[in-house]
Amino acid sequence: MKKFDHKILDDVKKEVSKLSETPTLAIVTCSYDEPSQIYVKNKVKTACEVGIEATHYNLEPTMFSDTSELVNYVQSLNEEHHAIIVQLPLHDKFDSEEVIKAIEPDHDVDGLTNENIARLVSNDPKAVIPATAGACYEIIKHTTGKSDLSGLNITIINRSHLIGKPLFQLLLNSNATVTVCHSRTANLENHIKNSDVVVIGIGRPHYFSDYQFISGTLVLDCGISRVDGKIVRDVQITDSEYIDYAGKVGIITTAYLMKSVVQCYKQQNNKNTWSIQVFFVL
């Protein structure tokens, strides 16, 4: 994983050095969610490492009386930065969907606006891909050795806007046969056992065991929970050789996010969407 992470970041750093100005990233938090502060800190640190100027707007929820005031604040950032992240969750008094809409599509580095979702569905190269979905997609392509995923059966156990839905579309656009499962899916184990690749992100500690999968299955574990102050993933590994397990997808996600910041910068400067060919060893 580290080699993959470093390869993406090295390529981003080289690309940033060629640009006429420094790409800027705004990260907005407006809640009392402690994990969000940790995630943002990691994003700011990684951005600095590749030459991206990242600013954390750590806003007190009491600064705004309602959603419309926070929307106006986020809208103003479109004029100041090339890329914007509204770190979720927001405080309960705000409508997250309305706040996300305040980000202009070419500034939407998380790929959550309706315009970017439509671009992804239509296979438009200008689509900004949610970073976790993009990271999973790159891992699957490399590990299988295929850019055309025809013939692969892939199950995604997640239906969120950040992972399941965009990853489904990416895989479908690459000709994979994709099944999306969720909390109300019947006979989940049957779907798992018929899959070449399984992507999991439910946030339930050790909900799955490695022996629930067919030997050799590629399993991407995006789920994170905290138990007694420690990070625990969705899949419990008892035999490191039984499945092809890719945990710690978050490391790759942060690197992929930096790639998307450069994409936002280039699209705003009327340049061709940038694409990095990633070669790595997991």
C-alpha atoms as a PDB file:
ATOM      1  CA  MET A   1       0.000   0.000   0.000  1.00  0.00           C
ATOM      2  CA  LYS A   2       2.779   2.423   0.851  1.00  0.00           C
ATOM      3  CA  LYS A   3       4.362   2.020  -2.584  1.00  0.00           C
ATOM      4  CA  PHE A   4       1.007   2.820  -4.189  1.00  0.00           C
ATOM      5  CA  ASP A   5       0.501   5.800  -1.897  1.00  0.00           C
ATOM      6  CA  HIS A   6       3.979   7.180  -2.581  1.00  0.00           C
ATOM      7  CA  LYS A   7       3.672   6.678  -6.337  1.00  0.00           C
ATOM      8  CA  ILE A   8       0.494   8.756  -6.554  1.00  0.00           C
ATOM      9  CA  LEU A   9       1.904  11.478  -4.310  1.00  0.00           C
ATOM     10  CA  ASP A  10       5.189  11.623  -6.234  1.00  0.00           C
ATOM     11  CA  ASP A  11       3.271  12.030  -9.491  1.00  0.00           C
ATOM     12  CA  VAL A  12       1.055  14.734  -7.975  1.00  0.00           C
ATOM     13  CA  LYS A  13       4.103  16.598  -6.661  1.00  0.00           C
ATOM     14  CA  LYS A  14       5.731  16.535 -10.102  1.00  0.00           C
ATOM     15  CA  GLU A  15       2.540  17.769 -11.739  1.00  0.00           C
ATOM     16  CA  VAL A  16       2.096  20.592  -9.211  1.00  0.00           C
ATOM     17  CA  SER A  17       5.655  21.768  -9.884  1.00  0.00           C
ATOM     18  CA  LYS A  18       4.749  22.305 -13.554  1.00  0.00           C
ATOM     19  CA  LEU A  19       1.734  24.521 -12.851  1.00  0.00           C
ATOM     20  CA  SER A  20       1.865  28.296 -13.219  1.00  0.00           C
ATOM     21  CA  GLU A  21       0.472  28.819  -9.715  1.00  0.00           C
ATOM     22  CA  THR A  22      -0.027  26.838  -6.526  1.00  0.00           C
ATOM     23  CA  PRO A  23      -3.328  24.919  -6.330  1.00  0.00           C
ATOM     24  CA  THR A  24      -5.332  25.829  -3.239  1.00  0.00           C
ATOM     25  CA  LEU A  25      -7.630  23.633  -1.197  1.00  0.00           C
ATOM     26  CA  ALA A  26     -10.208  24.820   1.357  1.00  0.00           C
ATOM     27  CA  ILE A  27     -11.435  22.338   3.964  1.00  0.00           C
ATOM     28  CA  VAL A  28     -14.495  23.411   5.940  1.00  0.00           C
ATOM     29  CA  THR A  29     -15.509  21.870   9.252  1.00  0.00           C
ATOM     30  CA  CYS A  30     -18.532  23.068  11.195  1.00  0.00           C
ATOM     31  CA  SER A  31     -19.282  20.556  13.912  1.00  0.00           C
ATOM     32  CA  TYR A  32     -17.945  19.154  17.170  1.00  0.00           C
ATOM     33  CA  ASP A  33     -16.955  15.853  15.546  1.00  0.00           C
ATOM     34  CA  GLU A  34     -13.495  14.874  16.848  1.00  0.00           C
ATOM     35  CA  PRO A  35     -12.627  12.272  14.152  1.00  0.00           C
ATOM     36  CA  SER A  36     -13.188  14.960  11.496  1.00  0.00           C
ATOM     37  CA  GLN A  37     -10.368  17.000  13.010  1.00  0.00           C
ATOM     38  CA  ILE A  38      -8.002  14.039  12.657  1.00  0.00           C
ATOM     39  CA  TYR A  39      -9.020  13.422   9.032  1.00  0.00           C
ATOM     40  CA  VAL A  40      -8.571  17.097   8.161  1.00  0.00           C
ATOM     41  CA  LYS A  41      -5.168  17.231   9.816  1.00  0.00           C
ATOM     42  CA  ASN A  42      -4.003  14.312   7.647  1.00  0.00           C
ATOM     43  CA  LYS A  43      -5.344  15.968   4.493  1.00  0.00           C
ATOM     44  CA  VAL A  44      -3.616  19.274   5.248  1.00  0.00           C
ATOM     45  CA  LYS A  45      -0.339  17.474   5.979  1.00  0.00           C
ATOM     46  CA  THR A  46      -0.481  15.488   2.731  1.00  0.00           C
ATOM     47  CA  ALA A  47      -1.388  18.570   0.697  1.00  0.00           C
ATOM     48  CA  CYS A  48       1.646  20.414   2.036  1.00  0.00           C
ATOM     49  CA  GLU A  49       3.884  17.466   1.127  1.00  0.00           C
ATOM     50  CA  VAL A  50       2.940  17.722  -2.559  1.00  0.00           C
ATOM     51  CA  GLY A  51       2.954  21.520  -2.817  1.00  0.00           C
ATOM     52  CA  ILE A  52      -0.780  22.184  -2.508  1.00  0.00           C
ATOM     53  CA  GLU A  53      -1.785  25.078  -0.259  1.00  0.00           C
ATOM     54  CA  ALA A  54      -4.461  23.799   2.115  1.00  0.00           C
ATOM     55  CA  THR A  55      -6.479  25.996   4.477  1.00  0.00           C
ATOM     56  CA  HIS A  56      -8.627  24.544   7.252  1.00  0.00           C
ATOM     57  CA  TYR A  57     -11.689  26.678   8.031  1.00  0.00           C
ATOM     58  CA  ASN A  58     -12.589  25.290  11.456  1.00  0.00           C
ATOM     59  CA  LEU A  59     -15.915  27.039  12.019  1.00  0.00           C
ATOM     60  CA  GLU A  60     -17.949  27.138  15.194  1.00  0.00           C
ATOM     61  CA  PRO A  61     -21.566  26.075  14.534  1.00  0.00           C
ATOM     62  CA  THR A  62     -22.657  29.056  16.646  1.00  0.00           C
ATOM     63  CA  MET A  63     -21.247  31.401  13.965  1.00  0.00           C
ATOM     64  CA  PHE A  64     -24.265  30.665  11.760  1.00  0.00           C
ATOM     65  CA  SER A  65     -27.930  30.916  12.665  1.00  0.00           C
ATOM     66  CA  ASP A  66     -29.083  28.586   9.888  1.00  0.00           C
ATOM     67  CA  THR A  67     -28.078  26.662   6.768  1.00  0.00           C
ATOM     68  CA  SER A  68     -28.401  29.650   4.442  1.00  0.00           C
ATOM     69  CA  GLU A  69     -25.669  31.552   6.278  1.00  0.00           C
ATOM     70  CA  LEU A  70     -23.264  28.617   6.046  1.00  0.00           C
ATOM     71  CA  VAL A  71     -24.185  28.221   2.349  1.00  0.00           C
ATOM     72  CA  ASN A  72     -23.237  31.845   1.733  1.00  0.00           C
ATOM     73  CA  TYR A  73     -19.921  31.333   3.489  1.00  0.00           C
ATOM     74  CA  VAL A  74     -19.053  28.254   1.412  1.00  0.00           C
ATOM     75  CA  GLN A  75     -20.107  30.008  -1.810  1.00  0.00           C
ATOM     76  CA  SER A  76     -17.596  32.776  -1.088  1.00  0.00           C
ATOM     77  CA  LEU A  77     -14.782  30.218  -0.991  1.00  0.00           C
ATOM     78  CA  ASN A  78     -15.330  29.399  -4.678  1.00  0.00           C
ATOM     79  CA  GLU A  79     -13.694  32.729  -5.507  1.00  0.00           C
ATOM     80  CA  GLU A  80     -10.685  32.096  -3.270  1.00  0.00           C
ATOM     81  CA  HIS A  81      -9.752  28.449  -3.810  1.00  0.00           C
ATOM     82  CA  HIS A  82      -9.406  25.919  -6.623  1.00  0.00           C
ATOM     83  CA  ALA A  83     -10.867  23.044  -4.586  1.00  0.00           C
ATOM     84  CA  ILE A  84     -13.267  22.827  -1.654  1.00  0.00           C
ATOM     85  CA  ILE A  85     -14.156  20.082   0.809  1.00  0.00           C
ATOM     86  CA  VAL A  86     -17.047  20.348   3.238  1.00  0.00           C
ATOM     87  CA  GLN A  87     -16.013  17.775   5.816  1.00  0.00           C
ATOM     88  CA  LEU A  88     -18.986  15.708   6.927  1.00  0.00           C
ATOM     89  CA  PRO A  89     -20.721  15.396   9.270  1.00  0.00           C
ATOM     90  CA  LEU A  90     -21.825  18.987   9.783  1.00  0.00           C
ATOM     91  CA  HIS A  91     -23.615  20.053  12.946  1.00  0.00           C
ATOM     92  CA  ASP A  92     -27.181  18.725  13.101  1.00  0.00           C
ATOM     93  CA  LYS A  93     -28.736  22.159  12.585  1.00  0.00           C
ATOM     94  CA  PHE A  94     -27.340  22.378   9.026  1.00  0.00           C
ATOM     95  CA  ASP A  95     -28.694  20.728   5.871  1.00  0.00           C
ATOM     96  CA  SER A  96     -25.564  19.036   4.488  1.00  0.00           C
ATOM     97  CA  GLU A  97     -27.024  18.581   1.014  1.00  0.00           C
ATOM     98  CA  GLU A  98     -27.753  22.301   0.665  1.00  0.00           C
ATOM     99  CA  VAL A  99     -24.265  23.212   1.853  1.00  0.00           C
ATOM    100  CA  ILE A 100     -22.653  20.819  -0.668  1.00  0.00           C
ATOM    101  CA  LYS A 101     -24.657  22.482  -3.443  1.00  0.00           C
ATOM    102  CA  ALA A 102     -22.856  25.743  -2.624  1.00  0.00           C
ATOM    103  CA  ILE A 103     -19.653  24.302  -4.077  1.00  0.00           C
ATOM    104  CA  GLU A 104     -19.212  24.914  -7.794  1.00  0.00           C
ATOM    105  CA  PRO A 105     -18.798  21.606  -9.709  1.00  0.00           C
ATOM    106  CA  ASP A 106     -15.210  22.267 -10.812  1.00  0.00           C
ATOM    107  CA  HIS A 107     -14.284  23.110  -7.202  1.00  0.00           C
ATOM    108  CA  ASP A 108     -16.027  20.022  -5.796  1.00  0.00           C
ATOM    109  CA  VAL A 109     -13.018  17.839  -4.999  1.00  0.00           C
ATOM    110  CA  ASP A 110     -15.202  15.263  -3.182  1.00  0.00           C
ATOM    111  CA  GLY A 111     -17.382  14.785  -6.285  1.00  0.00           C
ATOM    112  CA  LEU A 112     -20.637  15.144  -4.340  1.00  0.00           C
ATOM    113  CA  THR A 113     -22.482  17.847  -6.291  1.00  0.00           C
ATOM    114  CA  ASN A 114     -25.318  16.811  -8.592  1.00  0.00           C
ATOM    115  CA  GLU A 115     -23.323  17.993 -11.620  1.00  0.00           C
ATOM    116  CA  ASN A 116     -20.375  15.724 -10.822  1.00  0.00           C
ATOM    117  CA  ILE A 117     -22.670  12.785 -10.151  1.00  0.00           C
ATOM    118  CA  ALA A 118     -24.275  13.330 -13.576  1.00  0.00           C
ATOM    119  CA  ARG A 119     -20.841  13.544 -15.205  1.00  0.00           C
ATOM    120  CA  LEU A 120     -19.852  10.221 -13.674  1.00  0.00           C
ATOM    121  CA  VAL A 121     -23.056   8.517 -14.804  1.00  0.00           C
ATOM    122  CA  SER A 122     -22.495   9.742 -18.368  1.00  0.00           C
ATOM    123  CA  ASN A 123     -18.823   8.678 -18.264  1.00  0.00           C
ATOM    124  CA  ASP A 124     -17.696  12.281 -18.740  1.00  0.00           C
ATOM    125  CA  PRO A 125     -13.909  12.615 -18.182  1.00  0.00           C
ATOM    126  CA  LYS A 126     -14.559  15.919 -16.370  1.00  0.00           C
ATOM    127  CA  ALA A 127     -16.250  14.050 -13.514  1.00  0.00           C
ATOM    128  CA  VAL A 128     -14.455  14.510 -10.205  1.00  0.00           C
ATOM    129  CA  ILE A 129     -14.502  11.107  -8.511  1.00  0.00           C
ATOM    130  CA  PRO A 130     -15.064  10.727  -4.754  1.00  0.00           C
ATOM    131  CA  ALA A 131     -11.638   9.788  -3.460  1.00  0.00           C
ATOM    132  CA  THR A 132     -12.456   6.526  -1.673  1.00  0.00           C
ATOM    133  CA  ALA A 133     -14.317   5.199  -4.709  1.00  0.00           C
ATOM    134  CA  GLY A 134     -11.473   6.296  -6.972  1.00  0.00           C
ATOM    135  CA  ALA A 135      -8.871   4.654  -4.747  1.00  0.00           C
ATOM    136  CA  CYS A 136     -10.798   1.352  -4.727  1.00  0.00           C
ATOM    137  CA  TYR A 137     -11.159   1.501  -8.502  1.00  0.00           C
ATOM    138  CA  GLU A 138      -7.411   1.975  -9.018  1.00  0.00           C
ATOM    139  CA  ILE A 139      -6.583  -0.876  -6.619  1.00  0.00           C
ATOM    140  CA  ILE A 140      -8.956  -3.230  -8.442  1.00  0.00           C
ATOM    141  CA  LYS A 141      -7.530  -2.363 -11.866  1.00  0.00           C
ATOM    142  CA  HIS A 142      -3.952  -2.853 -10.773  1.00  0.00           C
ATOM    143  CA  THR A 143      -4.478  -6.009  -8.733  1.00  0.00           C
ATOM    144  CA  THR A 144      -6.442  -7.716 -11.499  1.00  0.00           C
ATOM    145  CA  GLY A 145      -4.097  -6.373 -14.177  1.00  0.00           C
ATOM    146  CA  LYS A 146      -7.059  -5.117 -16.200  1.00  0.00           C
ATOM    147  CA  SER A 147      -8.345  -1.726 -17.289  1.00  0.00           C
ATOM    148  CA  ASP A 148     -11.318  -3.410 -18.982  1.00  0.00           C
ATOM    149  CA  LEU A 149     -12.966  -5.383 -16.176  1.00  0.00           C
ATOM    150  CA  SER A 150     -15.132  -7.564 -18.426  1.00  0.00           C
ATOM    151  CA  GLY A 151     -15.901 -10.927 -16.858  1.00  0.00           C
ATOM    152  CA  LEU A 152     -15.254  -9.855 -13.274  1.00  0.00           C
ATOM    153  CA  ASN A 153     -18.003 -10.263 -10.671  1.00  0.00           C
ATOM    154  CA  ILE A 154     -17.663  -7.510  -8.078  1.00  0.00           C
ATOM    155  CA  THR A 155     -19.789  -7.047  -4.970  1.00  0.00           C
ATOM    156  CA  ILE A 156     -19.920  -3.726  -3.119  1.00  0.00           C
ATOM    157  CA  ILE A 157     -21.303  -3.815   0.423  1.00  0.00           C
ATOM    158  CA  ASN A 158     -22.008  -0.104   0.752  1.00  0.00           C
ATOM    159  CA  ARG A 159     -24.464   2.222  -0.984  1.00  0.00           C
ATOM    160  CA  SER A 160     -23.217   5.638   0.128  1.00  0.00           C
ATOM    161  CA  HIS A 161     -22.499   8.640  -2.089  1.00  0.00           C
ATOM    162  CA  LEU A 162     -18.808   8.434  -1.168  1.00  0.00           C
ATOM    163  CA  ILE A 163     -18.149   4.762  -1.917  1.00  0.00           C
ATOM    164  CA  GLY A 164     -20.884   2.440  -3.145  1.00  0.00           C
ATOM    165  CA  LYS A 165     -22.753   4.550  -5.680  1.00  0.00           C
ATOM    166  CA  PRO A 166     -19.769   6.165  -7.462  1.00  0.00           C
ATOM    167  CA  LEU A 167     -17.733   2.939  -7.393  1.00  0.00           C
ATOM    168  CA  PHE A 168     -20.663   1.053  -8.918  1.00  0.00           C
ATOM    169  CA  GLN A 169     -20.697   3.521 -11.804  1.00  0.00           C
ATOM    170  CA  LEU A 170     -16.917   3.416 -12.313  1.00  0.00           C
ATOM    171  CA  LEU A 171     -16.916  -0.371 -12.421  1.00  0.00           C
ATOM    172  CA  LEU A 172     -19.948  -0.513 -14.682  1.00  0.00           C
ATOM    173  CA  ASN A 173     -18.251   1.923 -17.073  1.00  0.00           C
ATOM    174  CA  SER A 174     -15.329  -0.536 -17.157  1.00  0.00           C
ATOM    175  CA  ASN A 175     -17.629  -3.460 -18.052  1.00  0.00           C
ATOM    176  CA  ALA A 176     -17.568  -5.294 -14.718  1.00  0.00           C
ATOM    177  CA  THR A 177     -20.645  -7.136 -13.476  1.00  0.00           C
ATOM    178  CA  VAL A 178     -21.489  -5.294 -10.263  1.00  0.00           C
ATOM    179  CA  THR A 179     -23.798  -6.096  -7.355  1.00  0.00           C
ATOM    180  CA  VAL A 180     -24.497  -3.537  -4.631  1.00  0.00           C
ATOM    181  CA  CYS A 181     -25.514  -4.970  -1.258  1.00  0.00           C
ATOM    182  CA  HIS A 182     -26.703  -3.230   1.903  1.00  0.00           C
ATOM    183  CA  SER A 183     -28.347  -3.790   5.276  1.00  0.00           C
ATOM    184  CA  ARG A 184     -31.516  -5.203   3.713  1.00  0.00           C
ATOM    185  CA  THR A 185     -29.862  -7.556   1.238  1.00  0.00           C
ATOM    186  CA  ALA A 186     -30.995 -11.156   1.610  1.00  0.00           C
ATOM    187  CA  ASN A 187     -28.500 -14.033   1.405  1.00  0.00           C
ATOM    188  CA  LEU A 188     -25.470 -11.764   1.567  1.00  0.00           C
ATOM    189  CA  GLU A 189     -23.061 -14.693   1.834  1.00  0.00           C
ATOM    190  CA  ASN A 190     -24.239 -16.046  -1.529  1.00  0.00           C
ATOM    191  CA  HIS A 191     -23.289 -12.757  -3.195  1.00  0.00           C
ATOM    192  CA  ILE A 192     -19.900 -12.823  -1.491  1.00  0.00           C
ATOM    193  CA  LYS A 193     -19.100 -16.380  -2.525  1.00  0.00           C
ATOM    194  CA  ASN A 194     -19.879 -15.646  -6.185  1.00  0.00           C
ATOM    195  CA  SER A 195     -17.530 -12.642  -6.333  1.00  0.00           C
ATOM    196  CA  ASP A 196     -14.011 -12.182  -7.642  1.00  0.00           C
ATOM    197  CA  VAL A 197     -13.769  -8.867  -5.757  1.00  0.00           C
ATOM    198  CA  VAL A 198     -15.618  -7.649  -2.655  1.00  0.00           C
ATOM    199  CA  VAL A 199     -15.538  -4.025  -1.459  1.00  0.00           C
ATOM    200  CA  ILE A 200     -16.754  -3.518   2.110  1.00  0.00           C
ATOM    201  CA  GLY A 201     -17.553  -0.321   3.985  1.00  0.00           C
ATOM    202  CA  ILE A 202     -20.172  -0.760   6.706  1.00  0.00           C
ATOM    203  CA  GLY A 203     -18.325   0.487   9.784  1.00  0.00           C
ATOM    204  CA  ARG A 204     -19.035  -2.590  11.924  1.00  0.00           C
ATOM    205  CA  PRO A 205     -15.944  -3.953  13.680  1.00  0.00           C
ATOM    206  CA  HIS A 206     -14.995  -7.455  12.524  1.00  0.00           C
ATOM    207  CA  TYR A 207     -18.445  -8.041  11.073  1.00  0.00           C
ATOM    208  CA  PHE A 208     -16.859 -10.345   8.500  1.00  0.00           C
ATOM    209  CA  SER A 209     -14.212 -13.039   8.825  1.00  0.00           C
ATOM    210  CA  ASP A 210     -11.742 -13.826   6.051  1.00  0.00           C
ATOM    211  CA  TYR A 211     -13.069 -17.396   5.839  1.00  0.00           C
ATOM    212  CA  GLN A 212     -16.475 -16.108   4.714  1.00  0.00           C
ATOM    213  CA  PHE A 213     -14.859 -15.414   1.330  1.00  0.00           C
ATOM    214  CA  ILE A 214     -13.644 -17.811  -1.321  1.00  0.00           C
ATOM    215  CA  SER A 215      -9.888 -18.318  -1.120  1.00  0.00           C
ATOM    216  CA  GLY A 216      -8.056 -15.821  -3.339  1.00  0.00           C
ATOM    217  CA  THR A 217     -10.879 -13.256  -3.415  1.00  0.00           C
ATOM    218  CA  LEU A 218      -9.685  -9.652  -3.562  1.00  0.00           C
ATOM    219  CA  VAL A 219     -11.242  -7.926  -0.519  1.00  0.00           C
ATOM    220  CA  LEU A 220     -11.056  -4.150  -0.120  1.00  0.00           C
ATOM    221  CA  ASP A 221     -11.883  -3.104   3.446  1.00  0.00           C
ATOM    222  CA  CYS A 222     -13.009   0.547   3.671  1.00  0.00           C
ATOM    223  CA  GLY A 223     -14.720   0.223   7.034  1.00  0.00           C
ATOM    224  CA  ILE A 224     -13.344   1.872  10.154  1.00  0.00           C
ATOM    225  CA  SER A 225     -14.611   1.699  13.730  1.00  0.00           C
ATOM    226  CA  ARG A 226     -13.089   2.712  17.053  1.00  0.00           C
ATOM    227  CA  VAL A 227     -13.120   0.128  19.822  1.00  0.00           C
ATOM    228  CA  ASP A 228     -11.473   1.015  23.137  1.00  0.00           C
ATOM    229  CA  GLY A 229      -9.574   3.802  21.413  1.00  0.00           C
ATOM    230  CA  LYS A 230      -8.220   1.533  18.666  1.00  0.00           C
ATOM    231  CA  ILE A 231      -9.108   1.439  14.970  1.00  0.00           C
ATOM    232  CA  VAL A 232     -10.846  -1.810  13.986  1.00  0.00           C
ATOM    233  CA  ARG A 233     -11.835  -2.726  10.437  1.00  0.00           C
ATOM    234  CA  ASP A 234     -14.850  -4.554   9.062  1.00  0.00           C
ATOM    235  CA  VAL A 235     -12.953  -7.748   8.225  1.00  0.00           C
ATOM    236  CA  GLN A 236     -11.158  -9.862  10.803  1.00  0.00           C
ATOM    237  CA  ILE A 237      -8.065 -11.478   9.305  1.00  0.00           C
ATOM    238  CA  THR A 238      -7.086 -14.828  10.816  1.00  0.00           C
ATOM    239  CA  ASP A 239      -5.027 -16.129   7.882  1.00  0.00           C
ATOM    240  CA  SER A 240      -3.062 -13.508   5.936  1.00  0.00           C
ATOM    241  CA  GLU A 241      -2.646 -15.884   2.980  1.00  0.00           C
ATOM    242  CA  TYR A 242      -6.274 -16.953   2.542  1.00  0.00           C
ATOM    243  CA  ILE A 243      -7.629 -13.873   0.723  1.00  0.00           C
ATOM    244  CA  ASP A 244      -6.018 -10.993  -1.162  1.00  0.00           C
ATOM    245  CA  TYR A 245      -6.753  -8.389   1.504  1.00  0.00           C
ATOM    246  CA  ALA A 246      -6.407  -4.642   0.964  1.00  0.00           C
ATOM    247  CA  GLY A 247      -6.971  -2.807   4.233  1.00  0.00           C
ATOM    248  CA  LYS A 248      -5.997   0.761   5.027  1.00  0.00           C
ATOM    249  CA  VAL A 249      -7.689   2.056   1.887  1.00  0.00           C
ATOM    250  CA  GLY A 250      -7.773   5.451   3.621  1.00  0.00           C
ATOM    251  CA  ILE A 251      -4.063   5.985   2.930  1.00  0.00           C
ATOM    252  CA  ILE A 252      -4.684   5.645  -0.790  1.00  0.00           C
ATOM    253  CA  THR A 253      -7.830   7.765  -0.536  1.00  0.00           C
ATOM    254  CA  THR A 254      -5.913  10.779   0.776  1.00  0.00           C
ATOM    255  CA  ALA A 255      -3.359  10.444  -2.019  1.00  0.00           C
ATOM    256  CA  TYR A 256      -6.135  10.174  -4.614  1.00  0.00           C
ATOM    257  CA  LEU A 257      -7.751  13.287  -3.167  1.00  0.00           C
ATOM    258  CA  MET A 258      -4.611  15.297  -3.956  1.00  0.00           C
ATOM    259  CA  LYS A 259      -4.825  14.089  -7.545  1.00  0.00           C
ATOM    260  CA  SER A 260      -8.390  15.411  -7.670  1.00  0.00           C
ATOM    261  CA  VAL A 261      -7.304  18.839  -6.382  1.00  0.00           C
ATOM    262  CA  VAL A 262      -4.994  19.143  -9.401  1.00  0.00           C
ATOM    263  CA  GLN A 263      -7.849  18.022 -11.661  1.00  0.00           C
ATOM    264  CA  CYS A 264     -10.034  20.827 -10.261  1.00  0.00           C
ATOM    265  CA  TYR A 265      -7.248  23.354 -10.818  1.00  0.00           C
ATOM    266  CA  LYS A 266      -6.749  22.283 -14.423  1.00  0.00           C
ATOM    267  CA  GLN A 267     -10.421  22.283 -15.296  1.00  0.00           C
ATOM    268  CA  GLN A 268     -10.742  25.822 -14.028  1.00  0.00           C
ATOM    269  CA  ASN A 269      -7.788  26.834 -16.164  1.00  0.00           C
ATOM    270  CA  ASN A 270      -9.296  25.310 -19.325  1.00  0.00           C
ATOM    271  CA  LYS A 271      -6.728  22.550 -19.532  1.00  0.00           C
ATOM    272  CA  ASN A 272      -7.330  18.939 -20.349  1.00  0.00           C
ATOM    273  CA  THR A 273      -8.332  16.751 -17.444  1.00  0.00           C
ATOM    274  CA  TRP A 274      -5.196  15.286 -15.978  1.00  0.00           C
ATOM    275  CA  SER A 275      -4.753  11.540 -15.733  1.00  0.00           C
ATOM    276  CA  ILE A 276      -1.939   9.726 -13.953  1.00  0.00           C
ATOM    277  CA  GLN A 277      -0.937   6.222 -14.916  1.00  0.00           C
ATOM    278  CA  VAL A 278      -0.285   4.505 -11.595  1.00  0.00           C
ATOM    279  CA  PHE A 279       2.011   1.504 -11.358  1.00  0.00           C
ATOM    280  CA  PHE A 280       2.524   0.095  -7.900  1.00  0.00           C
ATOM    281  CA  VAL A 281       2.948  -3.002  -5.807  1.00  0.00           C
ATOM    282  CA  LEU A 282       0.510  -3.643  -2.978  1.00  0.00           C
END
